[in-house]
Amino acid sequence: GFGRKDVVEHLLQTGASVHARDDGGLIPLHNACSFGHAEVVSLLLCQGADPNARDNWNYTPLHEAAIKGKIDVCIVLLQHGADPNIRNTDGKSALDLADPSAKAVLTGK
């Protein structure tokens, strides 16, 4: 359902939380970012999801999008205040781990 904006809207309307975490500490926003679902990412952010939420390894949604080269998602996250300098437990930022196609978006170059 992460790519189906209508399904996500329905789940949110019926009480699903944008803050729910799985065993790895991922919130729905992490998953939507990893799969490149920009419309769902926007919806979750507008519903209060934290763009700088960290999983159990300190990966943020921006780490997920940057690693996979999901440029449109990186842009949405940055527009909503995602911090590209947050480091994971290995000391790596989203920029450090970014796919080459996403690096330009993260650096503005």
C-alpha atoms as a PDB file:
ATOM      1  CA  GLY A   1       0.000   0.000   0.000  1.00  0.00           C
ATOM      2  CA  PHE A   2       2.977   2.401   0.221  1.00  0.00           C
ATOM      3  CA  GLY A   3       2.631   3.463  -3.415  1.00  0.00           C
ATOM      4  CA  ARG A   4      -1.144   3.799  -3.301  1.00  0.00           C
ATOM      5  CA  LYS A   5      -1.880   7.295  -2.079  1.00  0.00           C
ATOM      6  CA  ASP A   6      -5.600   6.503  -1.840  1.00  0.00           C
ATOM      7  CA  VAL A   7      -4.944   3.507   0.421  1.00  0.00           C
ATOM      8  CA  VAL A   8      -2.582   5.515   2.622  1.00  0.00           C
ATOM      9  CA  GLU A   9      -5.158   8.337   2.859  1.00  0.00           C
ATOM     10  CA  HIS A  10      -7.808   5.808   3.920  1.00  0.00           C
ATOM     11  CA  LEU A  11      -5.520   4.272   6.543  1.00  0.00           C
ATOM     12  CA  LEU A  12      -4.719   7.694   7.980  1.00  0.00           C
ATOM     13  CA  GLN A  13      -8.412   8.648   8.037  1.00  0.00           C
ATOM     14  CA  THR A  14      -9.225   5.474   9.962  1.00  0.00           C
ATOM     15  CA  GLY A  15      -6.616   6.045  12.635  1.00  0.00           C
ATOM     16  CA  ALA A  16      -3.305   4.720  11.325  1.00  0.00           C
ATOM     17  CA  SER A  17      -0.361   6.650  12.741  1.00  0.00           C
ATOM     18  CA  VAL A  18       2.376   8.275  10.672  1.00  0.00           C
ATOM     19  CA  HIS A  19       4.579   7.658  13.722  1.00  0.00           C
ATOM     20  CA  ALA A  20       4.104   3.851  13.884  1.00  0.00           C
ATOM     21  CA  ARG A  21       7.416   1.961  13.898  1.00  0.00           C
ATOM     22  CA  ASP A  22       8.340  -1.541  12.810  1.00  0.00           C
ATOM     23  CA  ASP A  23      10.921  -3.725  14.559  1.00  0.00           C
ATOM     24  CA  GLY A  24      13.738  -1.927  12.717  1.00  0.00           C
ATOM     25  CA  GLY A  25      12.492   1.463  13.868  1.00  0.00           C
ATOM     26  CA  LEU A  26      11.209   2.427  10.429  1.00  0.00           C
ATOM     27  CA  ILE A  27       8.175   4.676  10.136  1.00  0.00           C
ATOM     28  CA  PRO A  28       5.970   4.605   7.009  1.00  0.00           C
ATOM     29  CA  LEU A  29       7.896   7.597   5.656  1.00  0.00           C
ATOM     30  CA  HIS A  30      11.140   5.570   5.521  1.00  0.00           C
ATOM     31  CA  ASN A  31       9.439   2.928   3.385  1.00  0.00           C
ATOM     32  CA  ALA A  32       7.713   5.401   1.067  1.00  0.00           C
ATOM     33  CA  CYS A  33      11.071   7.141   0.530  1.00  0.00           C
ATOM     34  CA  SER A  34      12.924   3.912  -0.133  1.00  0.00           C
ATOM     35  CA  PHE A  35      10.431   2.945  -2.830  1.00  0.00           C
ATOM     36  CA  GLY A  36      10.306   6.429  -4.374  1.00  0.00           C
ATOM     37  CA  HIS A  37       6.633   7.205  -3.785  1.00  0.00           C
ATOM     38  CA  ALA A  38       6.839  11.020  -3.801  1.00  0.00           C
ATOM     39  CA  GLU A  39       3.067  11.619  -3.542  1.00  0.00           C
ATOM     40  CA  VAL A  40       2.818   9.364  -0.496  1.00  0.00           C
ATOM     41  CA  VAL A  41       5.911  11.015   0.995  1.00  0.00           C
ATOM     42  CA  SER A  42       4.238  14.433   0.619  1.00  0.00           C
ATOM     43  CA  LEU A  43       1.024  13.135   2.174  1.00  0.00           C
ATOM     44  CA  LEU A  44       2.822  11.604   5.167  1.00  0.00           C
ATOM     45  CA  LEU A  45       4.838  14.783   5.734  1.00  0.00           C
ATOM     46  CA  CYS A  46       1.694  16.924   5.554  1.00  0.00           C
ATOM     47  CA  GLN A  47       0.119  14.606   8.133  1.00  0.00           C
ATOM     48  CA  GLY A  48       2.965  15.228  10.562  1.00  0.00           C
ATOM     49  CA  ALA A  49       5.585  12.587   9.770  1.00  0.00           C
ATOM     50  CA  ASP A  50       9.049  13.647  10.931  1.00  0.00           C
ATOM     51  CA  PRO A  51      11.372  14.170   7.926  1.00  0.00           C
ATOM     52  CA  ASN A  52      14.328  13.539  10.253  1.00  0.00           C
ATOM     53  CA  ALA A  53      12.994  10.394  11.955  1.00  0.00           C
ATOM     54  CA  ARG A  54      15.721   7.848  12.620  1.00  0.00           C
ATOM     55  CA  ASP A  55      15.502   4.084  12.509  1.00  0.00           C
ATOM     56  CA  ASN A  56      17.439   1.758  14.808  1.00  0.00           C
ATOM     57  CA  TRP A  57      20.635   2.484  12.827  1.00  0.00           C
ATOM     58  CA  ASN A  58      20.044   6.264  12.663  1.00  0.00           C
ATOM     59  CA  TYR A  59      19.059   6.182   8.982  1.00  0.00           C
ATOM     60  CA  THR A  60      16.654   8.980   8.086  1.00  0.00           C
ATOM     61  CA  PRO A  61      14.082   8.958   5.283  1.00  0.00           C
ATOM     62  CA  LEU A  62      16.573  11.089   3.314  1.00  0.00           C
ATOM     63  CA  HIS A  63      19.211   8.361   3.675  1.00  0.00           C
ATOM     64  CA  GLU A  64      16.698   5.885   2.199  1.00  0.00           C
ATOM     65  CA  ALA A  65      15.814   8.115  -0.768  1.00  0.00           C
ATOM     66  CA  ALA A  66      19.395   9.211  -1.483  1.00  0.00           C
ATOM     67  CA  ILE A  67      20.817   5.683  -1.410  1.00  0.00           C
ATOM     68  CA  LYS A  68      18.206   4.555  -3.946  1.00  0.00           C
ATOM     69  CA  GLY A  69      18.608   7.669  -6.130  1.00  0.00           C
ATOM     70  CA  LYS A  70      14.995   8.783  -5.635  1.00  0.00           C
ATOM     71  CA  ILE A  71      15.613  12.395  -6.648  1.00  0.00           C
ATOM     72  CA  ASP A  72      11.999  13.595  -6.539  1.00  0.00           C
ATOM     73  CA  VAL A  73      11.650  12.211  -3.010  1.00  0.00           C
ATOM     74  CA  CYS A  74      14.919  13.860  -1.923  1.00  0.00           C
ATOM     75  CA  ILE A  75      13.563  17.205  -3.133  1.00  0.00           C
ATOM     76  CA  VAL A  76      10.266  16.780  -1.237  1.00  0.00           C
ATOM     77  CA  LEU A  77      12.125  15.827   1.950  1.00  0.00           C
ATOM     78  CA  LEU A  78      14.493  18.796   1.699  1.00  0.00           C
ATOM     79  CA  GLN A  79      11.531  21.128   1.112  1.00  0.00           C
ATOM     80  CA  HIS A  80      10.026  19.789   4.354  1.00  0.00           C
ATOM     81  CA  GLY A  81      13.140  20.362   6.435  1.00  0.00           C
ATOM     82  CA  ALA A  82      15.077  17.112   6.110  1.00  0.00           C
ATOM     83  CA  ASP A  83      18.618  17.536   7.426  1.00  0.00           C
ATOM     84  CA  PRO A  84      21.169  16.085   4.964  1.00  0.00           C
ATOM     85  CA  ASN A  85      23.896  16.190   7.628  1.00  0.00           C
ATOM     86  CA  ILE A  86      22.414  13.640  10.057  1.00  0.00           C
ATOM     87  CA  ARG A  87      24.772  10.680  10.364  1.00  0.00           C
ATOM     88  CA  ASN A  88      23.835   7.030  10.760  1.00  0.00           C
ATOM     89  CA  THR A  89      25.465   4.717  13.302  1.00  0.00           C
ATOM     90  CA  ASP A  90      28.386   4.245  10.873  1.00  0.00           C
ATOM     91  CA  GLY A  91      28.939   8.018  10.773  1.00  0.00           C
ATOM     92  CA  LYS A  92      27.618   8.384   7.211  1.00  0.00           C
ATOM     93  CA  SER A  93      25.287  11.169   6.068  1.00  0.00           C
ATOM     94  CA  ALA A  94      22.728  10.864   3.284  1.00  0.00           C
ATOM     95  CA  LEU A  95      25.205  12.671   1.020  1.00  0.00           C
ATOM     96  CA  ASP A  96      27.969  10.196   1.885  1.00  0.00           C
ATOM     97  CA  LEU A  97      25.781   7.274   0.820  1.00  0.00           C
ATOM     98  CA  ALA A  98      23.851   8.931  -2.010  1.00  0.00           C
ATOM     99  CA  ASP A  99      23.517   7.442  -5.449  1.00  0.00           C
ATOM    100  CA  PRO A 100      25.432   9.691  -7.902  1.00  0.00           C
ATOM    101  CA  SER A 101      22.133  10.923  -9.375  1.00  0.00           C
ATOM    102  CA  ALA A 102      20.999  12.159  -5.948  1.00  0.00           C
ATOM    103  CA  LYS A 103      24.267  13.851  -4.952  1.00  0.00           C
ATOM    104  CA  ALA A 104      23.587  16.903  -7.123  1.00  0.00           C
ATOM    105  CA  VAL A 105      20.208  17.411  -5.450  1.00  0.00           C
ATOM    106  CA  LEU A 106      21.739  17.156  -1.985  1.00  0.00           C
ATOM    107  CA  THR A 107      24.619  19.522  -2.729  1.00  0.00           C
ATOM    108  CA  GLY A 108      22.743  21.949  -4.961  1.00  0.00           C
ATOM    109  CA  LYS A 109      25.433  21.537  -7.648  1.00  0.00           C
END
